[in-house]
Amino acid sequence: MAPKAQRGKSPGGGKRGKKKHKPLPDTEEEEPLNMESMGHPEIYPLVLTTKTQEIFNCRIDEDITDEVPYKLIKKEDIFEDLQNRGAVSDFHPVKKIVQEYPGDELLLVYDKDFQYGLNFYLIGTEEGKENYLNPPEVLPEEQEETKELIPEDIYVYQPPVSKPWVSLGSEKEIEEESVKESTKQIIYMISRKRNQFGAPVTFSDQNASSTKDAYIDCTAYPDKNFTLKKLEKDIGMQVIPFVKDISTQTKWTYPKNATTQYYAREFSEEEREKLGQSKTLIDFLKKVSTSVEIALQQNEIMNTFIEDWKRLAEEEGAFGDKTDTHLKEYQSFTDLHSGTDKMISYISWHPTIYGLIAVSMTERLSFEERVQLSGKLLLQPSLILFWSFSDPIHPQLMLESPDDIVCFNFCPSDPNIIAGGCINGQIVLWDITTFADHIENIKASGKSKKVTLKPMFLLEPESPKESNFIRHCAVSSIESGHRKIITDIHWLPDTFEINRMGSVFENRNGICCQLATCSADCTICFWDIRPQKPLTPQPTEKKKEESIEIPFDVPPTFLHLDLSWKPLAKIKLSKEETSLDLCPTKISLTEDHLLYKTQAKKPVNIYTVHDGAVHTVQRSPFYNDIVLTIGGWNVAIWKEGVMYGPLLQSCCAPKRYTSGHWSLTRPGVFYIGREDGYIDVWDLLEKTHEPALSQNICITMITNIKPWTFSSKQQFIAIADYYGTLHILEIPWTLSHPSLNEIASVNHYFEREVKHLEYVEQRKNIREQEKREMELEMEKKKFKIYQMSKEQVEAELKLEYEAYLELEKSVLINLGLAKETEKVPYMDII
């Protein structure tokens, strides 16, 4: 490293240094800081941020060290950075110096001690660069001359040598007497735009009241961290003396459970014989034996400890009261900005917050219309809206996505994490942690705010900029993900997870961190939101990456996944024996199924039950092996392990089914939406061949259904329609409260249907076996006739004819038309 005295001067002397004119600043450029006043005219201090150090490979303590504190940078790379980032580039203040530099490479030096005020400085001349890289050597003769100049009798100062410190306990006293901060310090961060660094500052007087945004009003607001709760006291005063009621009682001892053991009394042999011969005892036993037998039989038949009045009330409320069976309209939500151009594709209730529901809005376009209007659709935002019961007009949050969202779900471990599937095959992740306090306090703020209701035609839509827009944190890679629309998405339970080889193992963290998606491209993919280690080692030479500045409104939670997220494992469904593609529309996974599907890619069974696309596959919340499927014009209920077919298959409905869902509290009830705006309520305890109730909800197609239980006394069901309106209905008491032993009754019905299917399958096998035996007998008979000769055939026919004549004779004798002595005429068979 060159000495400091020679680092700033050129070897040409002062005259040559004066030829270097100071660069004039442009109107849009900042004036670089020149060290001419300090005697170093060719040195220009710079501030290089971490991002710039990564771009030019001049990171401190990695690329630049104390041994090699400099870096040669090509002039072309600096021009490229200035072209890409413009005024944001750290080399913008020295743009003119770089342009006038005669060489191809500039020398950048790391100023560790901040000798020139900043962390780096740039040498702007070739002479300065050569002097720094190749400093002139000092001759030995000059060193000897300098040594001779110092006389021996001059005192030379030698600094004292520090000794190791020995602890005698004083540090404990200092620690006890020292003052420590108990409250958390408040940190303020003051930022400034990068293009304003080094700009001249001018101060002037102005009127704060006449200029917009000239001052900031720091109004007081309640802070829950420093708010003191005030206790209210109700105190009364009177002038008369207080009256006191005083009583006393003897000390009461607490009861204690105590037991004692004694030997049972046994009769002697003489007493037994005497009692056995006692007429009084015999008459008593004969008298009460019948009553005792009846009482014992009644105890076996019915439960004597049940409350009959309570049971009677439950039965009457469940089946007798027919007036409280319809769904009641509770609330409805409509986005005033989108109008009726969009429909609701999916509904999801917030897992922990009351009255908060999220819906995804998609364009009502066919594939051809979407292709024609693709340029226009890119300018329109695709949103997931959060609605609250406290504000039916304005959505509380709006989640932006690159394309229309078809399905999404909250993370069971952290409801602030949301994953959604796009129509273009990408997966989107959001993090709403920063808005958690806002949505939790919606109900409280909604009560205090007074709202004046106006007609719909007088409402002025709120500007979208004033709403809470949240941008997505990460988007999956288009090249490595699904090729078509994502039809379903689920978070894997926190009890297990899979690896890249498809093996299932225990999730010891207890946190949901993996997703399962299915798409119309005949694949099922599994995703992991955690950073993955690369399978192959990365090359040592790093490629030059473009600098992408992260927007301030994007949370950095899943920054490691953005545009590079790839599936952990992928399952391609085979076509089996048919020529049609097996496109999964919905999935329902358990740990047992996941162990098999990740290993065998061929389906075990294929059933053609529905006459249309299956859009609902849902497992019963009460029975893990019962699955509801809805598609086309019918509905079916299946039991896992039963390969003979569905337990229940309905007949064709008057209108096509579009959505469905199990009841959350009654095991025998499920809801189905139709394309004409009706909802069918099925109750298996009442009817199994048709819906128990059909109710009109809207005038257009129902797109999604999702019930939600707030408490045992209040349950809701959310119904979305084709025009983008969300209907919230309250479920009546009869459809939300199960009857006595309903779980056992419905389970008995399913077991009975399983036995019926087994019986039908057995009869089918028996009939097929009988058919095969008859065909085999016919084949044997044909073969036997073919093997017989002409004489054998005639003899067999003659024997059959004689047997016929004997039968005829016996019949005639029985009828009295012939006698036994008479002979029946005989005719030879030729």
Foldseek 3Di string as FASTA:
>chain_A
DFDPVLLQDFPVPDVVVVVDDQDDDDPQFFAFDACVVVVRRQKTDFADDPLNCVQQVNDEPPSADPVRQKDKGFLVSVVVQCVQPPLLDRCRNCPVLSVPQPDGIWMKGADPVCPVPYGIMTGSHPRSVCCVVPPDDDDVVVVVVVVVVDDPPDDDDDDDDDDDDDDPPVVVVVVVPDDDDDDDDDDDDDDDRSSCPNPDDDDDDDDQVVDPPSDDDPDDDDDPVPDDDDDDDDDDDDDDDDDDDDDDDDDDDDDDDDDDDDDDDDDDPVVVVVVVPDPVNVVVCVVCVVVVVVVVVVVVPDPPPDDPVVQVVLVCVQPVDPPFFDWFFDAKAFAPVCFQQWFWQDKDAQPPAPFKIKTWIAGPDDPVVCVVCVVVQQVDWGWIFIDGPLDRHDTQEIETDRAGFNDKYAFPQDRQWIWTWHQQFKIFIFGCVVCPVVRNCPNVVSVVDDDDDDDPVPDDRDDPVPHHYAYTQAMAASVAGDRGGWQDKDFDFLQWDAALLLAIDGNPVSGGFKMWIFFQVQKIFMFGLDDDDDPDDDDPDDDNDDDDDDDPRHDNPRNVRHNHGHTSYMAHADPPPDPDGDGDNDDDDDPVVSNPCSPDRYDPDDDDQAPADWNDWDAQPLDRQWIWIFGFQWIFIDGPPQPLDTLAIEDGHPFTWAEKDAAPAFRQWIWTWGQQQKIFIAGVVVDRHGGPDIDHDDRGGWHYKDKDDDDLVWIWMWIIGSSHMITIITGTNNSRHYRPCRVVVVVVSSVVSSVVSVVVVVVVVVVVVVVVVVVVVVVVVVVVVVPDDPVVVLVVVVVVVVVVLVVVVVVCVVVVNDDPPDDDDDDHDD
